[in-house]
Each structure stands twice: as C-alpha cells, then as structure tokens.
Protein backbone atom coordinates (compact mmCIF):
# COMPACT_ATOMS: atom_id res chain seq x y z
CA UNK A 1 40.77 -37.41 9.64
CA UNK A 2 40.93 -33.65 9.79
CA UNK A 3 38.69 -31.61 12.00
CA UNK A 4 36.86 -28.57 10.77
CA UNK A 5 38.23 -25.41 12.29
CA UNK A 6 36.56 -22.01 12.48
CA UNK A 7 37.85 -19.44 10.04
CA UNK A 8 40.81 -17.42 11.22
CA UNK A 9 40.34 -13.84 12.26
CA UNK A 10 41.37 -11.32 9.65
CA UNK A 11 42.22 -7.77 10.51
CA UNK A 12 39.93 -5.19 9.00
CA UNK A 13 41.48 -2.75 6.55
CA UNK A 14 38.62 -0.31 6.96
CA UNK A 15 39.39 2.97 8.63
CA UNK A 16 36.43 4.67 10.36
CA UNK A 17 37.53 8.13 9.23
CA UNK A 18 37.65 7.00 5.59
CA UNK A 19 34.19 5.48 5.79
CA UNK A 20 32.78 8.66 7.34
CA UNK A 21 34.31 10.78 4.60
CA UNK A 22 32.95 8.42 1.95
CA UNK A 23 29.50 8.54 3.57
CA UNK A 24 29.60 12.34 3.62
CA UNK A 25 30.56 12.45 -0.07
CA UNK A 26 27.86 9.96 -1.10
CA UNK A 27 25.11 11.65 0.90
CA UNK A 28 25.93 15.18 -0.25
CA UNK A 29 26.68 14.45 -3.91
CA UNK A 30 23.65 12.18 -4.17
CA UNK A 31 21.41 14.83 -2.64
CA UNK A 32 22.84 17.42 -5.03
CA UNK A 33 22.28 15.20 -8.07
CA UNK A 34 18.74 14.18 -7.12
CA UNK A 35 17.81 17.79 -6.29
CA UNK A 36 19.25 18.95 -9.61
CA UNK A 37 17.21 16.34 -11.47
CA UNK A 38 14.04 17.25 -9.57
CA UNK A 39 14.57 20.91 -10.43
CA UNK A 40 15.17 19.97 -14.07
CA UNK A 41 11.89 18.04 -14.17
CA UNK A 42 10.04 20.96 -12.57
CA UNK A 43 11.56 23.48 -14.97
CA UNK A 44 11.05 21.55 -18.20
CA UNK A 45 7.50 20.51 -17.32
CA UNK A 46 6.33 24.03 -16.42
CA UNK A 47 8.48 26.51 -18.34
CA UNK A 48 8.04 26.39 -22.12
CA UNK A 49 11.17 28.46 -22.86
CA UNK A 50 13.73 28.85 -20.04
CA UNK A 51 15.48 31.98 -21.30
CA UNK A 52 16.70 33.14 -17.90
CA UNK A 53 20.39 32.59 -17.22
CA UNK A 54 19.96 30.58 -14.02
CA UNK A 55 17.43 28.21 -15.54
CA UNK A 56 19.54 27.74 -18.66
CA UNK A 57 22.63 26.96 -16.56
CA UNK A 58 20.75 24.37 -14.50
CA UNK A 59 19.35 22.73 -17.62
CA UNK A 60 22.80 22.56 -19.22
CA UNK A 61 24.35 21.03 -16.09
CA UNK A 62 21.59 18.46 -15.73
CA UNK A 63 21.65 17.70 -19.47
CA UNK A 64 25.04 16.01 -18.92
CA UNK A 65 23.37 13.51 -16.59
CA UNK A 66 20.29 12.83 -18.74
CA UNK A 67 22.11 12.75 -22.09
CA UNK A 68 22.92 9.01 -22.25
CA UNK A 69 19.30 7.94 -21.81
CA UNK A 70 17.98 10.66 -24.10
CA UNK A 71 19.93 9.07 -26.97
CA UNK A 72 17.55 6.08 -26.90
CA UNK A 73 14.67 7.02 -29.25
CA UNK A 74 11.70 5.76 -27.16
CA UNK A 75 13.02 7.53 -24.07
CA UNK A 76 13.40 10.82 -25.94
CA UNK A 77 9.62 11.03 -26.39
CA UNK A 78 8.13 14.18 -24.93
CA UNK A 79 5.58 13.79 -22.14
CA UNK A 80 4.71 17.39 -21.30
CA UNK A 81 6.55 20.36 -22.73
CA UNK A 82 10.24 19.44 -22.83
CA UNK A 83 9.85 16.71 -20.18
CA UNK A 84 10.92 13.32 -21.54
CA UNK A 85 10.89 9.76 -20.30
CA UNK A 86 14.69 9.95 -20.12
CA UNK A 87 14.42 12.70 -17.47
CA UNK A 88 12.15 10.60 -15.26
CA UNK A 89 14.11 7.39 -15.77
CA UNK A 90 17.39 9.16 -14.96
CA UNK A 91 15.87 10.45 -11.72
CA UNK A 92 14.71 6.97 -10.68
CA UNK A 93 18.05 5.37 -11.56
CA UNK A 94 20.04 8.04 -9.70
CA UNK A 95 17.76 7.73 -6.68
CA UNK A 96 18.11 3.93 -6.64
CA UNK A 97 21.90 4.03 -6.95
CA UNK A 98 22.08 6.70 -4.24
CA UNK A 99 20.00 4.66 -1.78
CA UNK A 100 22.02 1.50 -2.54
CA UNK A 101 25.33 3.33 -2.00
CA UNK A 102 24.13 4.72 1.33
CA UNK A 103 23.09 1.20 2.35
CA UNK A 104 26.48 -0.27 1.43
CA UNK A 105 28.35 2.37 3.41
CA UNK A 106 25.99 1.88 6.37
CA UNK A 107 26.75 -1.85 6.22
CA UNK A 108 30.48 -1.12 6.24
CA UNK A 109 30.05 1.13 9.27
CA UNK A 110 27.99 -1.50 11.08
CA UNK A 111 30.54 -4.19 10.29
CA UNK A 112 33.33 -1.92 11.53
CA UNK A 113 31.45 -1.34 14.77
CA UNK A 114 30.83 -5.06 15.15
CA UNK A 115 34.50 -5.87 14.55
CA UNK A 116 35.53 -3.14 17.01
CA UNK A 117 33.16 -4.42 19.70
CA UNK A 118 34.36 -7.97 19.26
CA UNK A 119 38.00 -6.99 19.68
CA UNK A 120 37.16 -4.96 22.80
CA UNK A 121 35.28 -7.91 24.28
CA UNK A 122 38.23 -10.22 23.64
CA UNK A 123 40.57 -7.80 25.39
CA UNK A 124 38.39 -7.82 28.51
CA UNK A 125 38.47 -11.60 28.88
CA UNK A 126 40.82 -12.85 31.63
C-alpha cells in the first residue's frame, strides 16, 4: 500500500522585477486606453462635427479600438450624435479586461510574497 505524500515544492519562476514592470505596463496602458475611450464618448456625444485637429486625431486613434465592434450592424446604431452602442460596449469590455488583468498580476505578486515568506520561514527553522 502506498501512502499519500504532500506535493513536492517547486521553485517559482516568477521574478519580482518582471511582475512589477508588467503591473506598471498594465496599469498605465489600461488607464490610457480607458481615458481615450471616455474622451471619445464625450467628444462624439457633444460635438456634432469635430473639425479641430486635436479632436480629429483622438477620434482617429480611438476608432482603431472601436472598429471591430462597429462592424456589427446592431452595435453601429447611433444613440446620440455620433455616439454608438459599439463605443459604449468597447469601453465596458476594455474596463473589464483591465480590471481582470490588474487582479491577475496582483495575485501573482501575492503568491510571490507568500512563496518568499515561506522560504524565509524555512530558513529560520533550526
């Protein structure tokens, strides 16, 4: 009869510096994307014709993000001015993915801290 043994310890391949860089990238790029989409929604819902260069550039840049959903006919329906359902749905999807990615990286950091504390505790045992 064989006895059940606890799982063997596996070394973690995670590097704290890599996780911190990844967290910084996710937080900053996600904030940039969500802010860009919020500005797009504000511009297209208020401004009937954004002829100014800065507004046009922002709308072109954010159009790349909203384009896939705007190809679906029901989502291309206009709500107010040039605001479409695709704009709002893109914002909600981007926000959800951003929050999930931050949560995953936070879990990795917590697991790294837990693994680090466990190895320190084992070193202190006589």
